[in-house]
């Protein structure tokens, strides 16, 4: 019987990078590179859906709405 050997994510990525280099292709992004961006997008999406459902906005969306309603455009000096 053959033994199944499991690779870690980093080992699989190293193999993928090697194969891409052999073929002259660009490698994919490193594992974990965009994890926090994906988490922020998911959180913002849930907050947006909450606003559409009529629940109160919190955090960045509420701050953005408040800035838009007040006409404030940023944190420039003298504002």
Protein backbone atom coordinates (compact mmCIF):
# COMPACT_ATOMS: atom_id res chain seq x y z
CA UNK A 1 0.00 0.00 0.00
CA UNK A 2 1.04 3.56 -0.55
CA UNK A 3 1.33 5.99 2.31
CA UNK A 4 -0.52 9.30 2.12
CA UNK A 5 1.69 12.22 3.08
CA UNK A 6 -0.01 15.47 4.03
CA UNK A 7 1.68 18.77 3.23
CA UNK A 8 1.39 21.98 5.16
CA UNK A 9 0.03 25.08 3.48
CA UNK A 10 3.53 26.53 3.21
CA UNK A 11 4.94 23.35 1.66
CA UNK A 12 2.14 23.33 -0.93
CA UNK A 13 2.79 26.99 -1.69
CA UNK A 14 6.52 26.32 -2.14
CA UNK A 15 5.70 23.51 -4.57
CA UNK A 16 3.28 25.76 -6.48
CA UNK A 17 5.88 28.53 -6.70
CA UNK A 18 8.45 26.03 -8.01
CA UNK A 19 6.04 24.69 -10.64
CA UNK A 20 5.08 28.21 -11.72
CA UNK A 21 8.77 29.13 -12.10
CA UNK A 22 9.39 26.03 -14.22
CA UNK A 23 6.52 27.01 -16.53
CA UNK A 24 7.40 30.70 -16.64
CA UNK A 25 4.15 31.68 -14.91
CA UNK A 26 3.65 34.11 -12.05
CA UNK A 27 3.03 32.43 -8.70
CA UNK A 28 -0.16 33.02 -6.75
CA UNK A 29 -0.30 35.10 -3.59
CA UNK A 30 1.30 33.71 -0.46
CA UNK A 31 -1.07 32.01 1.97
CA UNK A 32 -2.46 34.42 4.52
CA UNK A 33 -1.48 37.50 2.53
CA UNK A 34 -5.01 38.84 2.13
CA UNK A 35 -6.69 37.26 5.17
CA UNK A 36 -7.24 40.46 7.14
CA UNK A 37 -8.55 42.31 4.09
CA UNK A 38 -11.08 39.52 3.56
CA UNK A 39 -12.14 39.68 7.22
CA UNK A 40 -12.63 43.48 6.99
CA UNK A 41 -14.66 43.13 3.78
CA UNK A 42 -16.88 40.48 5.37
CA UNK A 43 -17.43 42.67 8.44
CA UNK A 44 -18.24 45.72 6.30
CA UNK A 45 -20.65 43.66 4.19
CA UNK A 46 -22.51 42.44 7.28
CA UNK A 47 -22.74 45.97 8.62
CA UNK A 48 -24.03 47.22 5.25
CA UNK A 49 -26.69 44.51 5.20
CA UNK A 50 -27.67 45.47 8.74
CA UNK A 51 -28.24 49.06 7.62
CA UNK A 52 -30.35 47.88 4.69
CA UNK A 53 -32.40 45.76 7.12
CA UNK A 54 -33.07 48.84 9.25
CA UNK A 55 -30.74 48.03 12.13
CA UNK A 56 -28.47 50.82 13.42
CA UNK A 57 -25.06 51.27 11.82
CA UNK A 58 -21.89 50.97 13.92
CA UNK A 59 -18.20 51.54 13.40
CA UNK A 60 -16.75 52.69 10.07
CA UNK A 61 -20.08 52.78 8.22
CA UNK A 62 -21.69 54.95 10.89
CA UNK A 63 -18.69 57.29 10.88
CA UNK A 64 -18.80 57.51 7.08
CA UNK A 65 -22.52 58.26 7.13
CA UNK A 66 -22.03 60.92 9.81
CA UNK A 67 -19.23 62.55 7.80
CA UNK A 68 -21.35 62.55 4.67
CA UNK A 69 -24.35 64.06 6.44
CA UNK A 70 -22.26 66.72 8.15
CA UNK A 71 -20.43 67.67 4.96
CA UNK A 72 -17.04 66.93 6.57
CA UNK A 73 -14.53 65.76 3.95
CA UNK A 74 -11.55 64.59 5.99
CA UNK A 75 -9.07 65.28 8.71
CA UNK A 76 -7.14 68.11 7.06
CA UNK A 77 -5.43 70.71 9.22
CA UNK A 78 -7.67 73.61 10.15
CA UNK A 79 -10.95 71.77 9.61
